[in-house]
Amino acid sequence: MGGWRCTGLRWPHDGPVLGWVRSDGAGQGRASVLAYGKELGFRAEGARHCVGARGTPCPVAAVVPVRSTGARCPECARLDRAHSVAADTIADDPRTYRVYLAWFGPGMVKVGITGEARDAARLREQGAVVFSWLGRGPLMAARRTEELLRSALGVPDRIPYARKRAARGELPGAAERAAEIEELYRRAAALEGAGWPEALERLPFDAIDHAGVFGLDGAGPAARVVTGLVDGGVVAGRLVAAAGPDLHLEAGDAGIVVLDTRLLPGWDLVAADARAGVGVPVVALGAGGVQDGLF
């Protein structure tokens, strides 16, 4: 890579892609298409710096915490969120939005919205193992439907990412996954006439399963999770699966290690031996914040 900074993991239709820009700001960005079974490795150099907001560099190039998944200083984070759909500051948005129901593991379902033009990219970015569309319409109608499901059915709009990650190691079969989200769809559809916004068109149930796209079938359970990079720290291994922002790397004696790619932006990264293993802090999967050591 030599002098590149990662911009994060994207999920187009044909699989995961890592984005890169030059550390010195020169030239155009590039993309690395990731394939399961492929070896990869990189080493972090220097300190981690704020990535700025909405395409504008951080004016002070602030150093940010290595464990932050946002990679922004407080001021840039405020500016970035002020223009997001989630902030509800663009009520007159003319675009069409879709309401979805997403399943991440047994008992873990949520409701959310995404721009129709993005199709299912948002679901892959969140690591949704199964999802179904519920409806489509204007932003405010989609927002009201989201709130209706939260209040009437107790369906959350957020699930802690650690819970999603921990559930991937022992997923039930495809039929059971689809059945749970179909039941939620049935309950949601029954709310029509009971507060369902007239402007939201209900869409038919269709369970779309991402286990194959993510490479989770037969990948094996993860053992450890990277908590952050360090200057000189190496992350390397064979990619066996990916879901949401996570890469699942088979890393020798360390077993399968999960790297949340949201920890990468802001670092200068250079190529490393793909067989070098993992030389950054990790924790056992599900162990909270207790450091397990370096591998």
Protein backbone atom coordinates (compact mmCIF):
# COMPACT_ATOMS: atom_id res chain seq x y z
CA MET A 1 0.00 0.00 0.00
CA GLY A 2 2.82 2.44 0.89
CA GLY A 3 1.48 5.74 2.21
CA TRP A 4 -2.25 5.09 2.09
CA ARG A 5 -5.10 5.76 4.49
CA CYS A 6 -8.15 3.52 4.63
CA THR A 7 -11.54 5.18 4.13
CA GLY A 8 -13.50 2.16 5.33
CA LEU A 9 -15.34 -0.93 4.09
CA ARG A 10 -18.06 -0.61 1.45
CA TRP A 11 -20.59 -3.21 0.36
CA PRO A 12 -21.54 -3.01 -3.32
CA HIS A 13 -23.59 -5.89 -4.72
CA ASP A 14 -20.61 -8.08 -5.61
CA GLY A 15 -18.87 -8.16 -2.23
CA PRO A 16 -16.79 -6.13 0.26
CA VAL A 17 -14.40 -3.40 -0.90
CA LEU A 18 -11.85 -1.41 1.12
CA GLY A 19 -11.38 2.22 0.06
CA TRP A 20 -8.05 4.08 0.20
CA VAL A 21 -6.69 7.60 -0.26
CA ARG A 22 -3.07 8.73 -0.36
CA SER A 23 -1.75 9.89 3.01
CA ASP A 24 -0.27 13.01 1.41
CA GLY A 25 -3.58 13.89 -0.29
CA ALA A 26 -2.09 13.53 -3.76
CA GLY A 27 -3.76 11.63 -6.58
CA GLN A 28 -7.04 9.80 -6.63
CA GLY A 29 -8.32 7.14 -4.29
CA ARG A 30 -8.28 3.44 -4.97
CA ALA A 31 -10.25 0.38 -3.95
CA SER A 32 -9.25 -3.12 -2.87
CA VAL A 33 -11.80 -5.79 -3.76
CA LEU A 34 -11.74 -8.42 -1.03
CA ALA A 35 -12.17 -12.12 -1.74
CA TYR A 36 -12.62 -14.90 0.80
CA GLY A 37 -9.52 -17.06 0.99
CA LYS A 38 -7.28 -14.12 0.10
CA GLU A 39 -4.39 -13.20 2.39
CA LEU A 40 -3.85 -9.60 3.45
CA GLY A 41 -1.65 -7.72 5.86
CA PHE A 42 -0.80 -4.16 6.86
CA ARG A 43 1.08 -2.23 9.53
CA ALA A 44 0.02 1.04 11.16
CA GLU A 45 2.50 3.91 11.38
CA GLY A 46 2.56 7.08 13.47
CA ALA A 47 -0.57 8.38 15.19
CA ARG A 48 -4.23 8.23 14.24
CA HIS A 49 -5.63 11.53 12.96
CA CYS A 50 -9.17 12.86 12.50
CA VAL A 51 -10.63 12.13 9.04
CA GLY A 52 -12.57 15.41 8.89
CA ALA A 53 -16.23 15.91 8.01
CA ARG A 54 -18.11 15.45 4.73
CA GLY A 55 -15.03 15.57 2.52
CA THR A 56 -13.38 18.49 4.34
CA PRO A 57 -10.09 17.73 6.17
CA CYS A 58 -9.90 18.38 9.90
CA PRO A 59 -8.47 21.92 10.22
CA VAL A 60 -6.17 20.92 13.10
CA ALA A 61 -5.44 17.30 12.06
CA ALA A 62 -6.47 16.28 15.57
CA VAL A 63 -5.21 13.02 17.04
CA VAL A 64 -8.15 10.73 17.82
CA PRO A 65 -8.50 7.69 20.14
CA VAL A 66 -7.36 4.37 18.68
CA ARG A 67 -10.54 2.63 19.87
CA SER A 68 -12.94 5.15 18.31
CA THR A 69 -15.09 3.75 15.49
CA GLY A 70 -15.84 7.27 14.23
CA ALA A 71 -12.25 8.50 13.68
CA ARG A 72 -13.38 12.13 14.13
CA CYS A 73 -12.58 14.81 16.67
CA PRO A 74 -15.62 16.23 18.54
CA GLU A 75 -15.99 19.26 16.24
CA CYS A 76 -15.79 17.26 12.99
CA ALA A 77 -18.17 14.64 14.42
CA ARG A 78 -20.68 17.40 15.21
CA LEU A 79 -20.45 18.83 11.68
CA ASP A 80 -20.79 15.40 10.08
CA ARG A 81 -23.87 14.45 12.09
CA ALA A 82 -25.56 17.81 11.52
CA HIS A 83 -26.03 16.87 7.85
CA SER A 84 -27.07 13.26 8.31
CA VAL A 85 -30.51 11.76 7.80
CA ALA A 86 -30.33 10.35 11.33
CA ALA A 87 -30.18 13.89 12.75
CA ASP A 88 -33.64 14.73 11.32
CA THR A 89 -32.40 18.11 10.08
CA ILE A 90 -33.59 17.61 6.50
CA ALA A 91 -37.32 17.07 6.86
CA ASP A 92 -37.98 18.33 3.32
CA ASP A 93 -35.74 15.70 1.73
CA PRO A 94 -37.47 14.85 -1.60
CA ARG A 95 -35.96 11.39 -1.97
CA THR A 96 -37.80 8.10 -1.45
CA TYR A 97 -36.88 6.03 1.59
CA ARG A 98 -37.48 2.43 2.54
CA VAL A 99 -38.31 0.95 5.92
CA TYR A 100 -36.67 -2.41 6.61
CA LEU A 101 -36.76 -5.15 9.21
CA ALA A 102 -33.35 -6.67 9.94
CA TRP A 103 -32.32 -9.87 11.77
CA PHE A 104 -28.84 -10.28 13.29
CA GLY A 105 -29.30 -13.39 15.40
CA PRO A 106 -31.93 -15.18 17.52
CA GLY A 107 -34.06 -12.57 19.26
CA MET A 108 -32.15 -9.70 17.61
CA VAL A 109 -34.38 -7.82 15.18
CA LYS A 110 -34.58 -4.10 14.48
CA VAL A 111 -36.39 -1.59 12.31
CA GLY A 112 -34.61 1.06 10.26
CA ILE A 113 -34.75 3.25 7.18
CA THR A 114 -32.46 3.78 4.20
CA GLY A 115 -32.54 5.71 0.97
CA GLU A 116 -34.20 3.72 -1.80
CA ALA A 117 -31.38 4.61 -4.21
CA ARG A 118 -28.93 2.74 -1.95
CA ASP A 119 -30.92 -0.49 -2.26
CA ALA A 120 -29.63 -3.02 0.33
CA ALA A 121 -26.13 -1.58 0.81
CA ARG A 122 -27.10 -0.19 4.22
CA LEU A 123 -28.19 -3.65 5.39
CA ARG A 124 -24.87 -5.19 4.38
CA GLU A 125 -23.01 -2.32 6.09
CA GLN A 126 -24.85 -3.11 9.34
CA GLY A 127 -24.16 -6.84 9.10
CA ALA A 128 -27.82 -7.83 8.79
CA VAL A 129 -27.85 -11.59 8.23
CA VAL A 130 -31.47 -11.51 6.99
CA PHE A 131 -33.76 -8.61 6.14
CA SER A 132 -37.04 -7.77 4.46
CA TRP A 133 -38.37 -4.48 3.17
CA LEU A 134 -41.50 -3.29 4.94
CA GLY A 135 -42.50 -0.14 3.05
CA ARG A 136 -41.42 2.84 0.96
CA GLY A 137 -42.30 6.52 0.92
CA PRO A 138 -41.18 10.03 1.98
CA LEU A 139 -38.62 10.47 4.76
CA MET A 140 -41.07 11.67 7.40
CA ALA A 141 -43.52 8.81 6.67
CA ALA A 142 -40.65 6.35 7.00
CA ARG A 143 -39.62 7.97 10.28
CA ARG A 144 -43.17 7.78 11.66
CA THR A 145 -43.39 4.09 10.73
CA GLU A 146 -40.10 3.43 12.48
CA GLU A 147 -41.44 5.12 15.62
CA LEU A 148 -44.73 3.22 15.35
CA LEU A 149 -42.95 -0.13 15.41
CA ARG A 150 -40.82 0.95 18.36
CA SER A 151 -43.79 2.06 20.42
CA ALA A 152 -46.43 -0.51 19.37
CA LEU A 153 -44.26 -3.62 19.01
CA GLY A 154 -41.22 -2.79 21.14
CA VAL A 155 -38.88 -3.22 18.16
CA PRO A 156 -35.59 -1.32 18.66
CA ASP A 157 -33.93 0.82 16.01
CA ARG A 158 -30.47 -0.02 17.33
CA ILE A 159 -28.72 -3.19 18.51
CA PRO A 160 -25.28 -3.03 20.19
CA TYR A 161 -22.70 -4.13 17.67
CA ALA A 162 -20.97 -6.48 20.10
CA ARG A 163 -24.20 -8.52 20.31
CA LYS A 164 -24.44 -8.79 16.53
CA ARG A 165 -20.84 -9.97 16.31
CA ALA A 166 -21.19 -12.55 19.07
CA ALA A 167 -24.28 -14.08 17.43
CA ARG A 168 -22.56 -14.86 14.12
CA GLY A 169 -20.65 -17.86 15.39
CA GLU A 170 -23.74 -20.05 15.94
CA LEU A 171 -26.45 -19.03 13.50
CA PRO A 172 -29.57 -21.20 13.09
CA GLY A 173 -30.52 -22.49 9.65
CA ALA A 174 -31.85 -20.31 6.87
CA ALA A 175 -35.48 -21.41 7.38
CA GLU A 176 -35.41 -20.49 11.06
CA ARG A 177 -33.78 -17.14 10.30
CA ALA A 178 -36.47 -16.30 7.75
CA ALA A 179 -39.30 -17.44 10.03
CA GLU A 180 -38.36 -15.03 12.82
CA ILE A 181 -38.28 -12.00 10.58
CA GLU A 182 -41.47 -13.10 8.79
CA GLU A 183 -43.27 -13.12 12.14
CA LEU A 184 -42.12 -9.56 12.79
CA TYR A 185 -43.27 -8.51 9.32
CA ARG A 186 -46.71 -10.01 9.99
CA ARG A 187 -47.04 -8.09 13.25
CA ALA A 188 -45.89 -4.86 11.60
CA ALA A 189 -48.30 -5.25 8.67
CA ALA A 190 -51.16 -5.68 11.13
CA LEU A 191 -50.60 -2.09 12.25
CA GLU A 192 -52.02 -0.70 9.01
CA GLY A 193 -55.02 1.38 10.01
CA ALA A 194 -53.59 1.85 13.52
CA GLY A 195 -51.25 4.76 13.00
CA TRP A 196 -49.53 3.55 9.83
CA PRO A 197 -48.72 6.68 7.74
CA GLU A 198 -50.89 6.92 4.62
CA ALA A 199 -47.88 8.07 2.59
CA LEU A 200 -45.98 4.84 3.23
CA GLU A 201 -46.61 2.09 0.69
CA ARG A 202 -46.30 -1.38 2.22
CA LEU A 203 -43.99 -3.73 0.32
CA PRO A 204 -44.43 -7.54 0.17
CA PHE A 205 -42.44 -9.79 2.48
CA ASP A 206 -39.24 -11.16 0.96
CA ALA A 207 -36.53 -12.56 3.25
CA ILE A 208 -33.11 -11.77 1.80
CA ASP A 209 -30.35 -13.81 3.44
CA HIS A 210 -26.78 -12.48 3.50
CA ALA A 211 -25.03 -15.44 5.17
CA GLY A 212 -23.59 -16.55 1.83
CA VAL A 213 -22.61 -13.02 0.79
CA PHE A 214 -20.83 -12.59 4.11
CA GLY A 215 -19.06 -15.95 3.85
CA LEU A 216 -20.43 -17.02 7.24
CA ASP A 217 -21.46 -20.51 6.18
CA GLY A 218 -18.64 -22.79 7.29
CA ALA A 219 -16.30 -19.94 8.29
CA GLY A 220 -16.04 -21.09 11.90
CA PRO A 221 -16.52 -19.02 15.06
CA ALA A 222 -14.25 -16.07 15.79
CA ALA A 223 -12.01 -16.27 18.85
CA ARG A 224 -10.81 -12.70 19.36
CA VAL A 225 -11.56 -9.11 18.37
CA VAL A 226 -9.08 -6.30 17.67
CA THR A 227 -9.66 -3.36 20.03
CA GLY A 228 -7.48 -0.83 18.22
CA LEU A 229 -4.29 -0.37 16.23
CA VAL A 230 -0.95 0.87 17.58
CA ASP A 231 2.09 2.46 15.98
CA GLY A 232 3.99 -0.41 14.34
CA GLY A 233 1.18 -2.88 14.98
CA VAL A 234 0.46 -5.49 12.30
CA VAL A 235 -2.83 -7.10 11.34
CA ALA A 236 -2.52 -9.98 8.89
CA GLY A 237 -4.24 -13.21 7.97
CA ARG A 238 -6.47 -15.04 5.50
CA LEU A 239 -9.91 -13.52 4.99
CA VAL A 240 -12.57 -16.13 5.74
CA ALA A 241 -15.67 -13.95 6.16
CA ALA A 242 -16.87 -10.35 6.35
CA ALA A 243 -20.06 -8.84 7.76
CA GLY A 244 -20.95 -5.21 8.27
CA PRO A 245 -17.67 -3.42 9.01
CA ASP A 246 -15.97 -6.61 10.24
CA LEU A 247 -13.29 -8.69 8.54
CA HIS A 248 -12.85 -12.23 9.93
CA LEU A 249 -9.19 -13.19 9.52
CA GLU A 250 -7.68 -16.61 10.11
CA ALA A 251 -4.44 -15.61 11.86
CA GLY A 252 -2.42 -18.70 12.75
CA ASP A 253 -2.24 -19.53 16.46
CA ALA A 254 -4.61 -16.66 17.29
CA GLY A 255 -7.46 -18.46 15.49
CA ILE A 256 -10.06 -16.35 13.72
CA VAL A 257 -9.66 -12.70 14.68
CA VAL A 258 -12.28 -10.04 13.90
CA LEU A 259 -11.10 -6.64 12.70
CA ASP A 260 -13.66 -3.84 12.78
CA THR A 261 -12.59 -1.74 9.78
CA ARG A 262 -14.03 1.37 11.44
CA LEU A 263 -10.80 1.27 13.50
CA LEU A 264 -8.67 1.80 10.36
CA PRO A 265 -9.50 5.32 9.08
CA GLY A 266 -7.07 7.98 10.28
CA TRP A 267 -4.02 5.68 10.31
CA ASP A 268 -1.16 5.63 7.80
CA LEU A 269 -1.01 1.98 6.67
CA VAL A 270 1.72 0.15 4.80
CA ALA A 271 1.86 -3.39 3.46
CA ALA A 272 2.98 -6.19 5.77
CA ASP A 273 3.64 -9.91 5.43
CA ALA A 274 0.24 -11.63 5.24
CA ARG A 275 1.60 -14.41 7.48
CA ALA A 276 2.76 -12.03 10.24
CA GLY A 277 -0.34 -12.63 12.38
CA VAL A 278 -1.91 -10.04 14.66
CA GLY A 279 0.37 -7.72 16.67
CA VAL A 280 -2.20 -5.31 18.11
CA PRO A 281 -4.36 -5.44 21.27
CA VAL A 282 -7.22 -7.95 21.12
CA VAL A 283 -9.88 -9.28 23.48
CA ALA A 284 -11.63 -12.61 23.59
CA LEU A 285 -14.92 -12.39 21.69
CA GLY A 286 -17.60 -11.31 24.16
CA ALA A 287 -15.06 -10.44 26.86
CA GLY A 288 -15.94 -6.75 27.02
CA GLY A 289 -13.01 -4.44 27.54
CA VAL A 290 -10.56 -6.86 29.20
CA GLN A 291 -7.42 -7.03 27.09
CA ASP A 292 -6.39 -10.54 26.11
CA GLY A 293 -2.93 -9.63 24.82
CA LEU A 294 -0.99 -9.35 21.60
CA PHE A 295 -0.77 -12.07 18.92
